[in-house]
Protein backbone atom coordinates (compact mmCIF):
# COMPACT_ATOMS: atom_id res chain seq x y z
CA UNK A 1 45.23 -7.56 -23.46
CA UNK A 2 47.49 -8.84 -20.68
CA UNK A 3 49.09 -12.06 -20.77
CA UNK A 4 48.78 -14.57 -17.96
CA UNK A 5 52.37 -13.84 -16.55
CA UNK A 6 51.57 -9.75 -16.60
CA UNK A 7 48.20 -10.40 -15.13
CA UNK A 8 49.35 -12.40 -12.05
CA UNK A 9 51.99 -9.74 -11.42
CA UNK A 10 49.68 -6.90 -11.71
CA UNK A 11 47.30 -8.91 -9.67
CA UNK A 12 50.00 -9.26 -6.83
CA UNK A 13 51.07 -5.72 -6.95
CA UNK A 14 47.66 -4.81 -5.98
CA UNK A 15 47.47 -7.32 -3.51
CA UNK A 16 50.40 -5.72 -1.56
CA UNK A 17 49.68 -2.13 -2.01
CA UNK A 18 46.15 -3.52 0.02
CA UNK A 19 47.80 -5.39 2.33
CA UNK A 20 50.40 -2.70 3.10
CA UNK A 21 48.04 -0.06 3.90
CA UNK A 22 45.98 -2.27 6.10
CA UNK A 23 49.16 -3.11 8.07
CA UNK A 24 49.66 0.36 8.14
CA UNK A 25 46.29 1.28 9.69
CA UNK A 26 46.41 -1.55 12.43
CA UNK A 27 49.99 0.00 13.53
CA UNK A 28 48.25 3.88 13.08
CA UNK A 29 45.52 2.67 15.48
CA UNK A 30 47.56 0.17 17.67
CA UNK A 31 49.79 3.63 18.25
CA UNK A 32 46.87 5.57 19.05
CA UNK A 33 45.31 3.41 22.08
CA UNK A 34 49.14 2.43 23.51
CA UNK A 35 50.61 5.18 24.61
CA UNK A 36 53.97 4.12 25.00
CA UNK A 37 53.90 2.42 21.69
CA UNK A 38 52.32 5.38 20.20
CA UNK A 39 54.88 7.66 21.81
CA UNK A 40 58.05 5.87 20.34
CA UNK A 41 56.83 6.21 16.39
CA UNK A 42 56.54 9.72 17.21
CA UNK A 43 60.50 9.60 18.21
CA UNK A 44 61.05 7.83 15.20
CA UNK A 45 59.21 10.58 12.99
CA UNK A 46 60.77 13.71 14.18
CA UNK A 47 63.73 15.19 13.13
CA UNK A 48 66.46 13.19 11.39
CA UNK A 49 63.95 9.93 11.76
CA UNK A 50 61.61 9.01 8.92
CA UNK A 51 58.81 6.33 8.81
CA UNK A 52 57.28 4.26 6.27
CA UNK A 53 54.67 5.91 3.90
CA UNK A 54 51.74 6.79 5.64
CA UNK A 55 53.13 4.98 9.47
CA UNK A 56 52.52 7.40 12.17
CA UNK A 57 50.07 7.11 15.06
CA UNK A 58 46.61 8.43 15.53
CA UNK A 59 43.09 7.48 15.08
CA UNK A 60 43.06 9.87 11.95
CA UNK A 61 46.30 8.60 10.01
CA UNK A 62 44.84 4.82 11.04
CA UNK A 63 41.49 5.90 9.67
CA UNK A 64 43.13 7.66 6.10
CA UNK A 65 45.39 4.33 5.68
CA UNK A 66 42.07 2.20 6.47
CA UNK A 67 40.04 3.80 3.93
CA UNK A 68 42.51 3.96 1.40
CA UNK A 69 43.02 -0.33 1.59
CA UNK A 70 39.08 -0.40 1.45
CA UNK A 71 38.97 1.66 -1.83
CA UNK A 72 41.92 0.00 -2.85
CA UNK A 73 40.59 -3.08 -2.54
CA UNK A 74 37.79 -2.30 -4.51
CA UNK A 75 40.02 -1.43 -7.21
CA UNK A 76 39.19 2.07 -7.32
CA UNK A 77 41.01 4.41 -9.89
CA UNK A 78 40.87 7.59 -7.36
CA UNK A 79 42.31 5.77 -4.74
CA UNK A 80 45.05 4.08 -6.65
CA UNK A 81 45.75 7.70 -8.10
CA UNK A 82 45.90 9.55 -4.51
CA UNK A 83 48.46 6.93 -3.30
CA UNK A 84 50.47 7.33 -6.29
CA UNK A 85 50.96 11.11 -6.32
CA UNK A 86 50.50 11.15 -2.13
CA UNK A 87 53.56 8.58 -2.09
CA UNK A 88 55.65 9.59 -4.94
CA UNK A 89 55.82 13.23 -3.31
CA UNK A 90 56.93 11.99 -0.02
CA UNK A 91 59.35 9.26 -1.66
CA UNK A 92 60.93 12.16 -3.35
CA UNK A 93 61.50 13.90 -0.35
CA UNK A 94 62.70 11.07 1.54
CA UNK A 95 65.29 10.22 -1.15
CA UNK A 96 66.79 13.54 -1.74
CA UNK A 97 66.64 13.67 2.42
CA UNK A 98 68.92 10.64 2.44
CA UNK A 99 72.06 12.61 1.16
CA UNK A 100 72.38 14.70 4.24
CA UNK A 101 74.94 12.27 6.18
CA UNK A 102 72.50 12.72 9.83
CA UNK A 103 69.86 11.49 7.64
CA UNK A 104 71.53 8.54 6.03
CA UNK A 105 73.57 7.05 8.61
CA UNK A 106 70.39 6.11 10.15
CA UNK A 107 69.20 2.38 9.25
CA UNK A 108 65.38 3.09 10.08
CA UNK A 109 65.94 5.65 7.15
CA UNK A 110 66.94 3.16 4.75
CA UNK A 111 64.13 0.73 5.90
CA UNK A 112 61.29 3.63 5.57
CA UNK A 113 62.82 4.33 2.07
CA UNK A 114 62.66 0.41 1.09
CA UNK A 115 59.45 -0.26 2.22
CA UNK A 116 57.90 2.98 1.06
CA UNK A 117 59.85 1.97 -2.66
CA UNK A 118 58.38 -1.43 -2.76
CA UNK A 119 54.80 0.21 -1.89
CA UNK A 120 55.24 2.75 -4.83
CA UNK A 121 56.54 -0.27 -7.14
CA UNK A 122 53.74 -2.24 -6.43
CA UNK A 123 50.92 0.54 -7.26
CA UNK A 124 52.81 1.01 -10.74
CA UNK A 125 52.58 -2.91 -11.01
CA UNK A 126 49.33 -3.34 -10.53
CA UNK A 127 47.65 0.00 -12.08
CA UNK A 128 46.06 -2.22 -14.70
CA UNK A 129 43.54 -3.30 -11.95
CA UNK A 130 42.51 -0.14 -10.53
CA UNK A 131 39.75 0.47 -13.10
CA UNK A 132 37.12 1.41 -11.02
CA UNK A 133 35.55 4.65 -11.98
CA UNK A 134 34.08 7.21 -9.38
CA UNK A 135 31.53 10.29 -9.47
CA UNK A 136 32.61 13.35 -11.27
CA UNK A 137 30.81 15.34 -8.47
CA UNK A 138 33.16 13.86 -5.69
CA UNK A 139 36.02 16.14 -5.64
CA UNK A 140 33.52 19.11 -5.21
CA UNK A 141 31.21 17.69 -2.34
CA UNK A 142 34.32 16.16 -0.91
CA UNK A 143 35.62 19.92 -0.40
CA UNK A 144 32.34 21.15 1.33
CA UNK A 145 32.31 18.22 3.70
CA UNK A 146 35.74 18.75 4.64
CA UNK A 147 35.36 22.84 5.51
CA UNK A 148 31.94 22.40 6.67
CA UNK A 149 33.18 19.71 9.02
CA UNK A 150 36.30 21.17 9.95
CA UNK A 151 34.17 24.54 11.38
CA UNK A 152 32.04 21.96 13.40
CA UNK A 153 35.09 20.11 14.86
CA UNK A 154 36.75 22.97 15.69
CA UNK A 155 34.02 24.60 17.54
CA UNK A 156 33.46 21.56 19.43
CA UNK A 157 37.17 21.20 19.92
CA UNK A 158 37.61 24.56 21.20
CA UNK A 159 34.50 24.70 23.23
CA UNK A 160 36.42 21.54 25.13
CA UNK A 161 39.56 23.00 25.52
CA UNK A 162 38.25 26.38 27.14
CA UNK A 163 36.03 24.46 29.07
CA UNK A 164 38.70 21.92 30.87
CA UNK A 165 41.66 23.95 30.76
CA UNK A 166 43.67 24.43 33.78
CA UNK A 167 46.29 26.83 33.06
CA UNK A 168 46.31 30.41 33.49
CA UNK A 169 46.56 33.09 30.50
CA UNK A 170 45.16 31.30 27.40
CA UNK A 171 43.00 33.17 25.44
CA UNK A 172 40.10 31.74 22.63
CA UNK A 173 42.70 32.25 20.02
CA UNK A 174 45.03 29.73 22.00
CA UNK A 175 42.19 27.08 22.17
CA UNK A 176 41.52 27.14 18.99
CA UNK A 177 45.03 26.96 17.24
CA UNK A 178 45.43 24.12 19.82
CA UNK A 179 42.38 22.44 19.04
CA UNK A 180 43.14 22.70 14.98
CA UNK A 181 46.51 21.12 15.67
CA UNK A 182 44.90 18.30 17.50
CA UNK A 183 42.46 17.52 14.75
CA UNK A 184 45.36 18.24 11.65
CA UNK A 185 47.89 16.35 13.92
CA UNK A 186 47.99 13.85 16.67
CA UNK A 187 49.97 15.47 19.15
CA UNK A 188 50.65 19.61 18.68
CA UNK A 189 54.34 20.44 19.85
CA UNK A 190 53.94 21.03 24.23
CA UNK A 191 56.22 23.92 23.74
CA UNK A 192 53.68 26.15 21.69
CA UNK A 193 51.35 25.53 24.12
CA UNK A 194 52.64 26.30 27.55
CA UNK A 195 49.27 28.01 28.72
CA UNK A 196 46.88 24.96 27.67
CA UNK A 197 46.33 21.85 29.86
CA UNK A 198 43.68 19.49 29.07
CA UNK A 199 42.41 15.94 30.63
CA UNK A 200 43.81 13.46 28.42
CA UNK A 201 39.92 12.37 27.16
CA UNK A 202 39.57 16.00 25.41
CA UNK A 203 42.40 15.32 23.26
CA UNK A 204 41.17 11.88 22.55
CA UNK A 205 37.73 13.46 21.74
CA UNK A 206 39.13 15.57 19.48
CA UNK A 207 41.12 13.17 17.58
CA UNK A 208 38.43 10.84 17.77
CA UNK A 209 36.30 14.09 15.73
CA UNK A 210 39.31 14.30 13.78
CA UNK A 211 39.19 10.47 12.50
CA UNK A 212 35.39 10.80 11.63
CA UNK A 213 36.03 14.22 9.72
CA UNK A 214 38.61 12.49 7.89
CA UNK A 215 36.05 9.27 7.44
CA UNK A 216 33.62 11.39 5.98
CA UNK A 217 35.78 13.36 3.75
CA UNK A 218 37.08 9.99 2.22
CA UNK A 219 33.66 8.53 1.94
CA UNK A 220 32.35 11.65 0.24
CA UNK A 221 35.17 11.57 -2.22
CA UNK A 222 35.26 8.35 -3.32
CA UNK A 223 31.54 6.86 -2.80
CA UNK A 224 30.73 5.15 -5.76
CA UNK A 225 28.25 6.36 -8.51
CA UNK A 226 24.80 5.95 -8.34
CA UNK A 227 24.23 4.23 -11.58
CA UNK A 228 22.70 4.56 -14.66
CA UNK A 229 19.22 6.10 -15.52
CA UNK A 230 16.24 3.88 -13.99
CA UNK A 231 14.28 1.75 -15.83
CA UNK A 232 12.85 4.07 -19.12
CA UNK A 233 9.56 3.66 -21.19
CA UNK A 234 11.43 1.73 -23.88
CA UNK A 235 13.69 -0.65 -21.54
CA UNK A 236 10.23 -1.33 -19.72
CA UNK A 237 8.36 -2.35 -23.24
CA UNK A 238 11.45 -4.33 -24.09
CA UNK A 239 11.36 -6.01 -20.60
CA UNK A 240 7.61 -6.74 -21.02
CA UNK A 241 8.06 -8.28 -24.64
CA UNK A 242 10.27 -10.68 -22.80
CA UNK A 243 7.89 -11.53 -19.81
CA UNK A 244 5.72 -12.36 -22.47
CA UNK A 245 7.88 -15.32 -23.27
CA UNK A 246 9.42 -16.24 -20.36
CA UNK A 247 7.81 -15.34 -17.73
CA UNK A 248 6.29 -18.08 -16.61
CA UNK A 249 9.93 -19.24 -15.53
CA UNK A 250 10.00 -17.20 -12.56
CA UNK A 251 7.02 -16.12 -10.28
CA UNK A 252 9.90 -12.77 -9.39
CA UNK A 253 9.98 -11.66 -13.08
CA UNK A 254 7.61 -9.46 -13.16
CA UNK A 255 8.91 -7.15 -10.11
CA UNK A 256 11.48 -6.60 -12.32
CA UNK A 257 9.23 -3.52 -14.02
CA UNK A 258 9.86 -1.69 -10.42
CA UNK A 259 10.69 1.93 -11.75
CA UNK A 260 12.77 1.96 -9.08
CA UNK A 261 15.79 -0.22 -10.60
CA UNK A 262 18.51 -0.01 -13.77
CA UNK A 263 18.11 -2.42 -16.60
CA UNK A 264 21.45 -4.21 -18.20
CA UNK A 265 21.52 -6.54 -21.43
CA UNK A 266 22.84 -9.33 -22.68
CA UNK A 267 24.76 -8.50 -26.20
CA UNK A 268 21.65 -10.36 -28.16
CA UNK A 269 19.01 -8.56 -26.04
CA UNK A 270 17.40 -11.55 -25.44
CA UNK A 271 18.01 -11.07 -21.45
CA UNK A 272 18.24 -8.79 -18.75
CA UNK A 273 19.11 -8.00 -15.23
CA UNK A 274 17.15 -5.56 -13.28
CA UNK A 275 19.13 -4.29 -10.42
CA UNK A 276 19.45 -1.11 -7.85
CA UNK A 277 22.25 0.44 -6.50
CA UNK A 278 21.89 0.40 -2.68
CA UNK A 279 25.19 1.76 -0.56
CA UNK A 280 27.81 0.92 -3.50
CA UNK A 281 25.83 -3.00 -3.92
CA UNK A 282 24.69 -3.29 -7.00
CA UNK A 283 21.41 -5.46 -5.77
CA UNK A 284 19.68 -7.50 -8.45
CA UNK A 285 16.60 -10.02 -7.26
CA UNK A 286 15.20 -13.04 -8.56
CA UNK A 287 16.49 -14.42 -11.77
CA UNK A 288 17.67 -13.32 -15.26
CA UNK A 289 14.61 -11.98 -17.54
CA UNK A 290 14.32 -13.87 -20.74
CA UNK A 291 15.99 -16.64 -22.56
CA UNK A 292 17.90 -19.00 -20.28
CA UNK A 293 20.62 -19.42 -23.05
CA UNK A 294 21.39 -15.78 -22.38
CA UNK A 295 21.51 -15.04 -19.48
CA UNK A 296 25.16 -15.63 -19.28
CA UNK A 297 25.77 -12.49 -21.85
CA UNK A 298 23.60 -10.40 -19.00
CA UNK A 299 25.59 -11.68 -16.11
CA UNK A 300 29.05 -10.83 -17.96
CA UNK A 301 27.24 -7.40 -18.51
CA UNK A 302 26.15 -6.87 -15.15
CA UNK A 303 29.39 -7.92 -13.37
CA UNK A 304 31.58 -6.23 -15.69
CA UNK A 305 29.36 -3.02 -14.56
CA UNK A 306 29.84 -3.67 -11.38
CA UNK A 307 33.59 -4.15 -11.57
CA UNK A 308 33.88 -0.37 -13.73
CA UNK A 309 32.12 1.43 -10.85
CA UNK A 310 33.21 -0.49 -7.75
CA UNK A 311 30.26 -1.83 -6.55
CA UNK A 312 29.60 -5.27 -4.96
CA UNK A 313 27.27 -7.68 -6.72
CA UNK A 314 24.72 -9.51 -4.99
CA UNK A 315 21.50 -11.30 -6.37
CA UNK A 316 18.48 -11.70 -3.70
CA UNK A 317 15.91 -14.21 -4.32
CA UNK A 318 17.20 -16.13 -7.17
CA UNK A 319 16.03 -19.69 -8.04
CA UNK A 320 17.88 -22.93 -8.20
CA UNK A 321 18.46 -22.47 -11.48
CA UNK A 322 19.64 -19.22 -11.98
CA UNK A 323 21.79 -19.58 -8.51
CA UNK A 324 23.63 -22.52 -10.96
CA UNK A 325 24.40 -20.12 -13.31
CA UNK A 326 25.36 -17.38 -11.47
CA UNK A 327 27.67 -19.77 -9.52
CA UNK A 328 29.61 -20.38 -13.07
CA UNK A 329 30.39 -17.05 -13.02
CA UNK A 330 32.17 -16.65 -9.63
CA UNK A 331 29.36 -15.90 -7.13
CA UNK A 332 29.12 -17.91 -3.94
CA UNK A 333 25.39 -19.18 -2.99
CA UNK A 334 23.73 -18.69 0.40
CA UNK A 335 19.94 -20.14 0.70
CA UNK A 336 17.75 -17.53 1.67
CA UNK A 337 14.70 -19.00 2.62
CA UNK A 338 11.47 -20.15 0.65
CA UNK A 339 8.73 -19.24 -1.47
CA UNK A 340 5.41 -20.89 -0.93
CA UNK A 341 3.55 -21.59 -4.04
CA UNK A 342 0.12 -23.07 -4.07
CA UNK A 343 -1.11 -25.59 -6.74
CA UNK A 344 -4.81 -24.26 -7.11
CA UNK A 345 -5.82 -28.11 -8.58
CA UNK A 346 -3.89 -29.66 -5.68
CA UNK A 347 -5.23 -27.74 -3.04
CA UNK A 348 -7.93 -29.09 -0.64
CA UNK A 349 -9.43 -27.97 2.60
CA UNK A 350 -10.27 -31.44 3.53
CA UNK A 351 -8.66 -33.62 5.96
CA UNK A 352 -7.18 -33.61 9.33
CA UNK A 353 -4.38 -31.83 8.88
CA UNK A 354 -6.37 -28.69 7.44
CA UNK A 355 -8.71 -28.63 10.20
CA UNK A 356 -7.68 -25.59 11.73
CA UNK A 357 -7.91 -23.62 8.43
CA UNK A 358 -11.17 -24.95 7.45
CA UNK A 359 -12.49 -23.92 10.65
CA UNK A 360 -10.88 -20.43 10.43
CA UNK A 361 -12.29 -20.06 6.88
CA UNK A 362 -15.65 -21.37 7.86
CA UNK A 363 -16.38 -18.83 10.74
CA UNK A 364 -15.11 -15.92 8.42
CA UNK A 365 -17.41 -17.30 6.11
CA UNK A 366 -20.50 -16.95 8.60
CA UNK A 367 -19.70 -13.67 9.53
CA UNK A 368 -21.11 -12.45 5.96
CA UNK A 369 -17.61 -11.50 4.34
CA UNK A 370 -17.63 -11.87 0.88
CA UNK A 371 -14.54 -11.96 -1.76
CA UNK A 372 -14.53 -9.93 -5.38
CA UNK A 373 -11.71 -10.94 -7.36
CA UNK A 374 -11.21 -9.13 -10.69
CA UNK A 375 -8.30 -7.40 -13.00
CA UNK A 376 -6.75 -4.20 -12.59
CA UNK A 377 -7.87 -3.44 -16.08
CA UNK A 378 -11.69 -3.98 -15.41
CA UNK A 379 -11.45 -1.36 -12.37
CA UNK A 380 -12.78 2.03 -12.89
CA UNK A 381 -10.21 4.65 -12.40
CA UNK A 382 -12.61 6.44 -9.97
CA UNK A 383 -12.74 3.40 -8.38
CA UNK A 384 -9.21 2.78 -8.60
CA UNK A 385 -8.75 5.66 -6.79
CA UNK A 386 -10.74 4.63 -3.57
CA UNK A 387 -8.59 1.56 -3.10
CA UNK A 388 -5.38 3.51 -3.80
CA UNK A 389 -6.46 5.91 -0.56
CA UNK A 390 -7.36 2.66 1.54
CA UNK A 391 -4.28 0.70 0.55
CA UNK A 392 -2.23 3.77 2.11
CA UNK A 393 -4.64 4.30 5.11
CA UNK A 394 -4.39 0.46 5.99
CA UNK A 395 -0.43 0.29 5.66
CA UNK A 396 1.17 -0.76 8.32
CA UNK A 397 3.72 2.11 8.88
CA UNK A 398 5.00 5.14 6.76
CA UNK A 399 7.28 3.71 4.79
CA UNK A 400 6.42 1.30 1.93
CA UNK A 401 8.23 -2.27 2.08
CA UNK A 402 9.23 -4.49 -0.47
CA UNK A 403 11.88 -5.32 -3.36
CA UNK A 404 12.62 -8.24 -4.32
CA UNK A 405 8.63 -9.30 -4.14
CA UNK A 406 6.97 -5.94 -4.35
CA UNK A 407 5.93 -3.78 -7.24
CA UNK A 408 5.93 -0.83 -5.47
CA UNK A 409 3.31 1.02 -6.99
CA UNK A 410 -0.42 0.24 -7.92
CA UNK A 411 -3.48 0.88 -10.31
CA UNK A 412 -0.52 1.79 -12.63
CA UNK A 413 -2.48 1.82 -16.20
CA UNK A 414 0.36 -0.77 -17.41
CA UNK A 415 -0.53 -3.48 -14.91
CA UNK A 416 -4.17 -4.33 -15.95
CA UNK A 417 -3.30 -7.81 -15.97
CA UNK A 418 -2.46 -7.58 -12.44
CA UNK A 419 -5.33 -9.41 -9.95
CA UNK A 420 -7.07 -7.49 -7.47
CA UNK A 421 -8.64 -9.38 -4.28
CA UNK A 422 -11.17 -6.96 -2.22
CA UNK A 423 -12.94 -8.46 1.29
CA UNK A 424 -16.40 -6.76 2.48
CA UNK A 425 -17.48 -7.51 5.69
CA UNK A 426 -21.34 -8.73 6.65
CA UNK A 427 -22.52 -4.59 6.32
CA UNK A 428 -20.53 -4.05 2.95
CA UNK A 429 -17.69 -2.45 4.51
CA UNK A 430 -14.40 -2.78 2.69
CA UNK A 431 -11.84 -4.31 5.16
CA UNK A 432 -8.79 -6.00 3.19
CA UNK A 433 -7.06 -6.19 -0.46
CA UNK A 434 -4.88 -8.37 -2.03
CA UNK A 435 -2.66 -7.39 -5.40
CA UNK A 436 -1.15 -10.06 -7.28
CA UNK A 437 1.18 -9.41 -10.50
CA UNK A 438 1.06 -11.84 -13.53
CA UNK A 439 3.24 -14.82 -13.18
CA UNK A 440 3.43 -16.18 -16.94
CA UNK A 441 0.02 -16.76 -18.24
CA UNK A 442 -1.22 -19.22 -15.71
CA UNK A 443 0.09 -17.79 -12.63
CA UNK A 444 -0.03 -14.92 -10.03
CA UNK A 445 2.68 -13.71 -7.58
CA UNK A 446 1.62 -11.78 -4.09
CA UNK A 447 2.53 -8.42 -4.31
CA UNK A 448 0.38 -6.29 -2.23
CA UNK A 449 -1.52 -6.97 1.14
CA UNK A 450 -3.64 -4.63 3.49
CA UNK A 451 -6.21 -5.12 5.92
CA UNK A 452 -8.15 -2.83 8.16
CA UNK A 453 -6.32 -2.76 11.48
CA UNK A 454 -9.93 -3.59 13.12
CA UNK A 455 -11.00 -6.53 11.09
CA UNK A 456 -10.75 -10.32 11.59
CA UNK A 457 -7.44 -11.63 11.98
CA UNK A 458 -8.22 -14.61 9.49
CA UNK A 459 -9.28 -12.14 6.95
CA UNK A 460 -6.12 -12.80 4.54
CA UNK A 461 -6.08 -16.29 4.76
CA UNK A 462 -10.06 -16.38 3.81
CA UNK A 463 -9.12 -13.97 1.06
CA UNK A 464 -6.46 -16.68 -0.28
CA UNK A 465 -8.55 -19.58 0.23
CA UNK A 466 -10.97 -17.90 -1.68
CA UNK A 467 -8.45 -17.10 -4.51
CA UNK A 468 -7.42 -20.62 -4.74
CA UNK A 469 -10.86 -21.98 -5.04
CA UNK A 470 -11.63 -19.54 -7.55
CA UNK A 471 -8.82 -19.81 -9.62
CA UNK A 472 -10.83 -20.30 -12.84
CA UNK A 473 -12.27 -17.12 -12.38
CA UNK A 474 -8.82 -15.63 -13.41
CA UNK A 475 -7.21 -18.42 -15.34
CA UNK A 476 -5.14 -19.27 -12.53
CA UNK A 477 -3.33 -22.20 -11.97
CA UNK A 478 -0.59 -21.51 -9.57
CA UNK A 479 -0.26 -18.48 -6.96
CA UNK A 480 3.30 -17.63 -5.26
CA UNK A 481 2.68 -16.26 -1.82
CA UNK A 482 5.29 -14.55 0.37
CA UNK A 483 8.64 -15.64 0.76
CA UNK A 484 9.73 -17.56 4.04
CA UNK A 485 13.35 -16.43 5.18
CA UNK A 486 15.11 -19.37 7.11
CA UNK A 487 12.10 -21.22 6.76
CA UNK A 488 14.46 -25.11 6.89
CA UNK A 489 15.94 -23.09 9.88
CA UNK A 490 12.25 -23.42 11.88
CA UNK A 491 11.14 -26.22 10.40
CA UNK A 492 14.23 -28.22 11.56
CA UNK A 493 15.00 -26.40 14.59
CA UNK A 494 11.43 -27.44 16.24
CA UNK A 495 12.34 -31.29 15.06
CA UNK A 496 12.95 -33.90 17.74
CA UNK A 497 17.15 -34.30 17.36
CA UNK A 498 17.97 -30.74 16.01
CA UNK A 499 21.27 -29.78 17.07
CA UNK A 500 22.59 -27.09 19.52
CA UNK A 501 23.84 -25.02 16.82
CA UNK A 502 20.37 -25.22 14.93
CA UNK A 503 18.54 -24.63 18.35
CA UNK A 504 20.12 -21.55 19.13
CA UNK A 505 20.13 -20.26 15.52
CA UNK A 506 16.25 -21.20 15.80
CA UNK A 507 16.24 -19.28 19.07
CA UNK A 508 17.69 -16.05 17.49
CA UNK A 509 15.35 -15.95 14.82
CA UNK A 510 12.45 -16.44 17.09
CA UNK A 511 13.84 -13.52 19.53
CA UNK A 512 14.14 -11.08 16.32
CA UNK A 513 10.33 -12.18 15.12
CA UNK A 514 9.45 -9.79 17.32
CA UNK A 515 10.62 -6.78 15.33
CA UNK A 516 10.13 -8.43 11.97
CA UNK A 517 7.75 -11.00 10.76
CA UNK A 518 10.56 -13.87 10.21
CA UNK A 519 8.78 -16.88 11.96
CA UNK A 520 5.17 -15.37 11.24
CA UNK A 521 5.48 -15.39 7.73
CA UNK A 522 6.87 -18.85 7.82
CA UNK A 523 3.47 -19.70 9.79
CA UNK A 524 1.03 -18.06 7.77
CA UNK A 525 2.58 -19.64 4.65
CA UNK A 526 2.84 -22.93 6.21
CA UNK A 527 -1.22 -23.51 6.89
CA UNK A 528 -1.63 -23.72 2.61
CA UNK A 529 0.73 -26.81 2.44
CA UNK A 530 2.47 -25.15 -0.42
CA UNK A 531 5.38 -26.27 -2.46
CA UNK A 532 8.56 -24.56 -1.37
CA UNK A 533 10.73 -23.66 -3.46
CA UNK A 534 14.55 -22.39 -2.37
CA UNK A 535 15.60 -19.03 -2.77
CA UNK A 536 19.29 -17.78 -2.82
CA UNK A 537 21.19 -15.24 -1.96
CA UNK A 538 24.35 -14.84 -4.77
CA UNK A 539 27.58 -12.77 -3.66
CA UNK A 540 31.49 -12.21 -4.45
CA UNK A 541 33.20 -12.39 -1.14
CA UNK A 542 31.74 -13.19 2.34
CA UNK A 543 33.58 -10.33 3.76
CA UNK A 544 31.02 -8.53 1.68
CA UNK A 545 27.52 -10.06 3.51
CA UNK A 546 27.27 -7.49 6.14
CA UNK A 547 27.60 -4.98 3.44
CA UNK A 548 25.22 -6.70 1.47
CA UNK A 549 22.82 -7.51 4.26
CA UNK A 550 22.48 -3.84 4.95
CA UNK A 551 21.65 -3.26 1.49
CA UNK A 552 19.21 -5.99 1.08
CA UNK A 553 17.33 -4.24 4.51
CA UNK A 554 17.73 -0.83 2.92
CA UNK A 555 15.83 -1.86 -0.22
CA UNK A 556 13.35 -4.07 1.42
CA UNK A 557 12.38 -1.08 3.57
CA UNK A 558 13.27 -2.55 6.99
CA UNK A 559 16.13 -0.08 7.48
CA UNK A 560 16.45 3.38 6.63
CA UNK A 561 19.64 5.29 5.88
CA UNK A 562 20.70 8.45 7.20
CA UNK A 563 21.11 11.17 4.93
CA UNK A 564 24.33 13.36 4.13
CA UNK A 565 23.57 17.02 4.50
CA UNK A 566 21.40 18.54 1.14
CA UNK A 567 24.27 20.17 -0.36
CA UNK A 568 26.37 16.61 -0.36
CA UNK A 569 23.71 14.28 -1.60
CA UNK A 570 23.63 13.76 -5.42
CA UNK A 571 20.75 14.32 -7.43
CA UNK A 572 18.40 11.30 -8.27
CA UNK A 573 18.50 10.13 -12.15
CA UNK A 574 14.99 9.52 -13.48
CA UNK A 575 14.26 8.37 -16.72
CA UNK A 576 11.71 10.70 -18.04
CA UNK A 577 8.34 9.32 -18.26
């Protein structure tokens, strides 16, 4: 185990290595876009002159240094090994070259030697910090990506050079060699290609292709492993036992049983965290499952696994109680929105504030609509098949959305305690359905909501009110409805005296509500005058928030990730069922 002093120096060494790579990347990019500066760098990197490790001018070298800086910051062992080998070879070559008088007489070379030595020393000093593991298949996939990408980029570059060359006498082979040299270095030797003269934009395009190819290869080579096997029957059974004992603590607890999640346990086995790895983000949702006294053990295990695999840890939709515990383990909190909870005993349609809701309810009731409420276990298999077919037909869009507040399945035999709410119109035709998952012994949490597009707009509200009023039929005392993201912004932003920043933020969210149901969900929930329970986003570093936001949007189904070509895809590791 590292002592306090050695641990401090190890962290400093790792930090120096990261900042060195960031600085080099910045200089390389600057040299690529600032022509005179780039020429100065190249003049000091030829013949008897050497620049420090990785310091050249170009998009490709800049992308390479930047990617190494990112992977080193995430403490990936493979990035450390690559830097150690490449920098060690470069330093050895530079040190041997210094014995020649024409080389060691230049002060620049001594500076380059000193900086390169400092970087290598920092790597060795911080070696204990780089423990994150990679996927064993990454090198093979990276080689395939490099070979295929080089062929495609070379063909594009050759076509551009051939089409724009203003000199005479160049053949197809000359154009191909020029494109390849441009792909692997910033500027070919001008004397070797006297028969080729292309516009500056062609050279820039080829260099950009080179940078993109390097980025793709590095991404494939250093991407984090997908994660452990998904939820297996044994883990699911253990989670159900914990939910039977502690399920009433969190309305999102039952969603931990999604089968596209993995689960990690506390040492005592009394608590667990269900998570999914999305784009290198270990994304948990809701509170840890089980005994709160065992939560710290599960959180420590989850965070340790994230460090081992260079995953970014994040939690979506944690309660205030769980957020406090996560914060003690080094995560920061950001209020994400509020969950709408209805107390069935306190709910009433009476009063002036409920006039609009009451009128809408009575209008649907007079139209002859009826509601049927029952547990999934009470639905015959043949009838459940019909419900599944309707749910698919009524789904809005081809993508099934939901992660933190969605089970991702319907009609599974293990979910018999879920509640189905069906609505028929006056002619007996099915028009809408709602499905709720258990929230402890006396609660329900909304999972699925489907409506025939040709039905009345107030049908969902009518069904929710019917469930609230008839809650005793299924022994329910509280119901969790939809999550209202940024609810406080909409509520406070519309008040008299709201500040300019809050009003701009509200206007921005209103604008995006045209595509995503942000404001409409808040308005729909507010009709029932619920109890608002805040939910939080937990994260490690604020610089990772954009990445976490994209991962969350991917998990919830709001975005669809581009897929790598099939030879580069990793096999999904599903648990046997």
